């Protein structure tokens, strides 16, 4: 199964972002972007790729330990950026990014200790992907529109192990489907 560890924003924060993305989708050239659906809005902590079913219980246990050792922290959507010369447009984060990076590192370590090979070894950068493009796109108008965006803060209080099902129909615009496999409370160690 294709898995990753994530932080999921609460519904009211998702709605704030949906309002902003609605405005972005009205900008010139927006119809050439593949916009991520609301169900796909998450902060990936660690991407694991294909994980053997037999390793999932150990991974889940180790993620529970990582979550228990990490205290809840404040986060807010803030600004935006791009990867790959406009191939990915994202909303950024503000708040306790130090703890977010710590949690991401612990989620990666949990995978290594559980015997799960990780495909993602880049320096962690908190981001929530809102659109992608197969070609390089001038995203300056989108970045300008995201520049002043700051959502309301919320307390991140759980780490979520997510199953990702990629589209298989071949229908243009079909989105991946995501399902929470396990939710582990932060700071549960006391």
Protein backbone atom coordinates (compact mmCIF):
# COMPACT_ATOMS: atom_id res chain seq x y z
CA UNK A 1 0.00 0.00 0.00
CA UNK A 2 1.16 3.55 -0.78
CA UNK A 3 1.53 5.43 2.53
CA UNK A 4 2.67 8.71 4.01
CA UNK A 5 2.56 10.42 7.41
CA UNK A 6 0.78 13.76 7.51
CA UNK A 7 -0.73 16.64 9.41
CA UNK A 8 -4.31 17.34 8.32
CA UNK A 9 -5.71 20.85 8.75
CA UNK A 10 -9.15 21.13 10.37
CA UNK A 11 -12.21 21.77 8.20
CA UNK A 12 -12.50 25.50 8.98
CA UNK A 13 -8.87 26.00 7.91
CA UNK A 14 -9.52 23.99 4.75
CA UNK A 15 -12.48 26.29 4.03
CA UNK A 16 -10.26 29.38 4.39
CA UNK A 17 -7.84 27.88 1.88
CA UNK A 18 -10.70 26.89 -0.43
CA UNK A 19 -11.75 30.55 -0.57
CA UNK A 20 -8.23 31.61 -1.56
CA UNK A 21 -7.84 28.80 -4.11
CA UNK A 22 -11.21 29.77 -5.59
CA UNK A 23 -9.73 33.21 -6.34
CA UNK A 24 -6.53 31.69 -7.73
CA UNK A 25 -8.54 29.54 -10.13
CA UNK A 26 -9.98 32.70 -11.68
CA UNK A 27 -6.55 34.05 -12.64
CA UNK A 28 -5.43 33.90 -16.30
CA UNK A 29 -3.92 30.52 -17.17
CA UNK A 30 -5.45 28.72 -14.19
CA UNK A 31 -7.31 26.32 -16.46
CA UNK A 32 -3.92 24.87 -17.48
CA UNK A 33 -3.16 23.82 -13.89
CA UNK A 34 -4.26 20.59 -12.21
CA UNK A 35 -5.80 21.81 -8.96
CA UNK A 36 -5.62 19.56 -5.92
CA UNK A 37 -9.02 18.80 -4.42
CA UNK A 38 -9.80 19.67 -0.82
CA UNK A 39 -9.53 16.01 0.19
CA UNK A 40 -5.88 16.13 -0.89
CA UNK A 41 -4.87 19.12 1.23
CA UNK A 42 -2.38 17.93 3.82
CA UNK A 43 1.13 18.57 5.07
CA UNK A 44 3.18 15.48 4.26
CA UNK A 45 5.62 14.74 7.08
CA UNK A 46 7.24 11.68 5.49
CA UNK A 47 6.42 9.89 2.24
CA UNK A 48 6.93 6.13 2.44
CA UNK A 49 5.81 4.95 -0.99
CA UNK A 50 4.76 1.33 -1.35
CA UNK A 51 4.83 -0.40 2.05
CA UNK A 52 4.42 -4.14 2.51
CA UNK A 53 1.22 -4.88 4.47
CA UNK A 54 3.25 -6.87 6.99
CA UNK A 55 5.26 -3.79 7.98
CA UNK A 56 2.25 -1.55 8.64
CA UNK A 57 1.64 -2.66 12.28
CA UNK A 58 5.27 -1.97 13.24
CA UNK A 59 5.23 1.35 11.36
CA UNK A 60 2.00 2.34 13.12
CA UNK A 61 3.47 1.46 16.53
CA UNK A 62 6.61 3.46 15.85
CA UNK A 63 4.58 6.44 14.62
CA UNK A 64 2.56 6.27 17.85
CA UNK A 65 5.81 6.54 19.82
CA UNK A 66 6.99 9.45 17.66
CA UNK A 67 3.68 11.24 18.17
CA UNK A 68 3.70 10.60 21.91
CA UNK A 69 7.17 12.21 22.18
CA UNK A 70 6.02 15.34 20.31
CA UNK A 71 3.92 17.97 22.06
CA UNK A 72 0.93 19.55 20.27
CA UNK A 73 1.93 22.74 18.47
CA UNK A 74 0.42 25.78 16.74
CA UNK A 75 0.32 26.04 12.96
CA UNK A 76 -1.35 28.32 10.41
CA UNK A 77 -1.46 28.40 6.64
CA UNK A 78 0.67 31.28 5.44
CA UNK A 79 1.84 32.53 2.06
CA UNK A 80 2.88 30.18 -0.68
CA UNK A 81 5.62 29.04 -2.99
CA UNK A 82 6.54 26.81 -5.88
CA UNK A 83 8.69 23.83 -6.74
CA UNK A 84 10.09 22.95 -10.15
CA UNK A 85 9.68 26.29 -11.92
CA UNK A 86 5.93 26.34 -11.51
CA UNK A 87 5.29 22.61 -11.67
CA UNK A 88 3.91 22.66 -8.12
CA UNK A 89 2.17 25.56 -6.37
CA UNK A 90 1.76 25.34 -2.61
CA UNK A 91 0.47 27.12 0.47
CA UNK A 92 3.05 27.50 3.21
CA UNK A 93 2.91 27.37 6.97
CA UNK A 94 3.71 29.62 9.91
CA UNK A 95 3.83 28.87 13.60
CA UNK A 96 5.94 26.30 15.41
CA UNK A 97 7.79 25.05 12.33
CA UNK A 98 10.62 23.77 14.51
CA UNK A 99 8.29 21.21 16.09
CA UNK A 100 6.78 20.42 12.67
CA UNK A 101 10.29 19.61 11.34
CA UNK A 102 10.99 17.56 14.48
CA UNK A 103 7.79 15.55 13.92
CA UNK A 104 8.70 15.05 10.25
CA UNK A 105 12.12 13.75 11.29
CA UNK A 106 10.57 11.41 13.81
CA UNK A 107 8.10 10.13 11.21
CA UNK A 108 11.03 9.37 8.91
CA UNK A 109 12.98 7.66 11.69
CA UNK A 110 9.91 5.58 12.58
CA UNK A 111 9.85 4.25 9.03
CA UNK A 112 13.55 3.36 9.01
CA UNK A 113 13.22 1.56 12.36
CA UNK A 114 10.19 -0.35 11.06
CA UNK A 115 12.12 -1.48 7.99
CA UNK A 116 10.29 0.78 5.56
CA UNK A 117 12.47 2.27 2.84
CA UNK A 118 11.75 5.96 2.31
CA UNK A 119 11.66 7.52 -1.14
CA UNK A 120 11.84 11.12 0.12
CA UNK A 121 15.17 12.23 1.61
CA UNK A 122 15.03 16.00 1.02
CA UNK A 123 15.25 18.63 3.71
CA UNK A 124 11.77 19.04 5.14
CA UNK A 125 9.77 22.09 4.05
CA UNK A 126 6.21 22.43 5.35
CA UNK A 127 3.91 22.91 2.37
CA UNK A 128 0.44 21.98 1.21
CA UNK A 129 0.20 21.44 -2.57
CA UNK A 130 -2.72 23.27 -4.19
CA UNK A 131 -1.90 22.81 -7.91
CA UNK A 132 0.48 21.08 -10.30
CA UNK A 133 1.42 21.46 -13.94
CA UNK A 134 3.22 19.13 -16.34
CA UNK A 135 5.02 22.13 -17.82
CA UNK A 136 6.88 25.02 -16.25
CA UNK A 137 4.35 27.78 -15.55
CA UNK A 138 4.80 31.41 -14.61
CA UNK A 139 3.23 31.27 -11.16
CA UNK A 140 4.09 34.84 -10.13
CA UNK A 141 0.43 35.97 -10.20
CA UNK A 142 -0.50 33.05 -7.95
CA UNK A 143 2.40 33.72 -5.58
CA UNK A 144 1.44 37.40 -5.46
CA UNK A 145 -2.12 36.40 -4.54
CA UNK A 146 -0.87 33.99 -1.84
CA UNK A 147 1.72 36.41 -0.46
CA UNK A 148 -0.51 38.08 2.14
CA UNK A 149 -2.57 35.01 2.96
CA UNK A 150 -2.52 33.95 6.59
CA UNK A 151 -5.11 31.51 7.86
CA UNK A 152 -6.27 31.21 11.41
CA UNK A 153 -3.95 29.26 13.71
CA UNK A 154 -4.90 25.85 15.03
CA UNK A 155 -3.32 23.32 17.36
CA UNK A 156 -1.86 20.30 15.62
CA UNK A 157 -2.67 17.47 17.99
CA UNK A 158 -2.30 14.33 15.87
CA UNK A 159 -0.13 12.58 13.32
CA UNK A 160 -2.03 10.68 10.63
CA UNK A 161 -0.85 7.68 8.61
CA UNK A 162 -2.53 8.06 5.22
CA UNK A 163 -3.19 5.56 2.42
CA UNK A 164 -2.95 7.11 -1.04
CA UNK A 165 -4.80 5.49 -3.94
CA UNK A 166 -3.66 6.87 -7.26
CA UNK A 167 -6.16 7.36 -10.09
CA UNK A 168 -6.60 4.31 -12.30
CA UNK A 169 -9.44 5.25 -14.65
CA UNK A 170 -7.40 7.46 -16.96
CA UNK A 171 -10.13 10.09 -16.78
CA UNK A 172 -8.55 13.56 -17.02
CA UNK A 173 -8.75 15.44 -13.74
CA UNK A 174 -9.34 12.35 -11.59
CA UNK A 175 -7.84 12.94 -8.14
CA UNK A 176 -6.02 10.50 -5.86
CA UNK A 177 -8.09 9.22 -2.96
CA UNK A 178 -6.82 9.41 0.59
CA UNK A 179 -7.81 7.36 3.60
CA UNK A 180 -6.57 7.68 7.19
CA UNK A 181 -5.13 4.32 8.22
CA UNK A 182 -4.15 5.40 11.74
CA UNK A 183 -4.38 8.55 13.85
CA UNK A 184 -2.02 9.05 16.76
CA UNK A 185 -2.35 11.82 19.35
CA UNK A 186 0.60 14.10 19.93
CA UNK A 187 1.97 14.30 23.44
CA UNK A 188 0.14 11.16 24.54
CA UNK A 189 3.17 10.10 26.59
CA UNK A 190 2.11 12.51 29.28
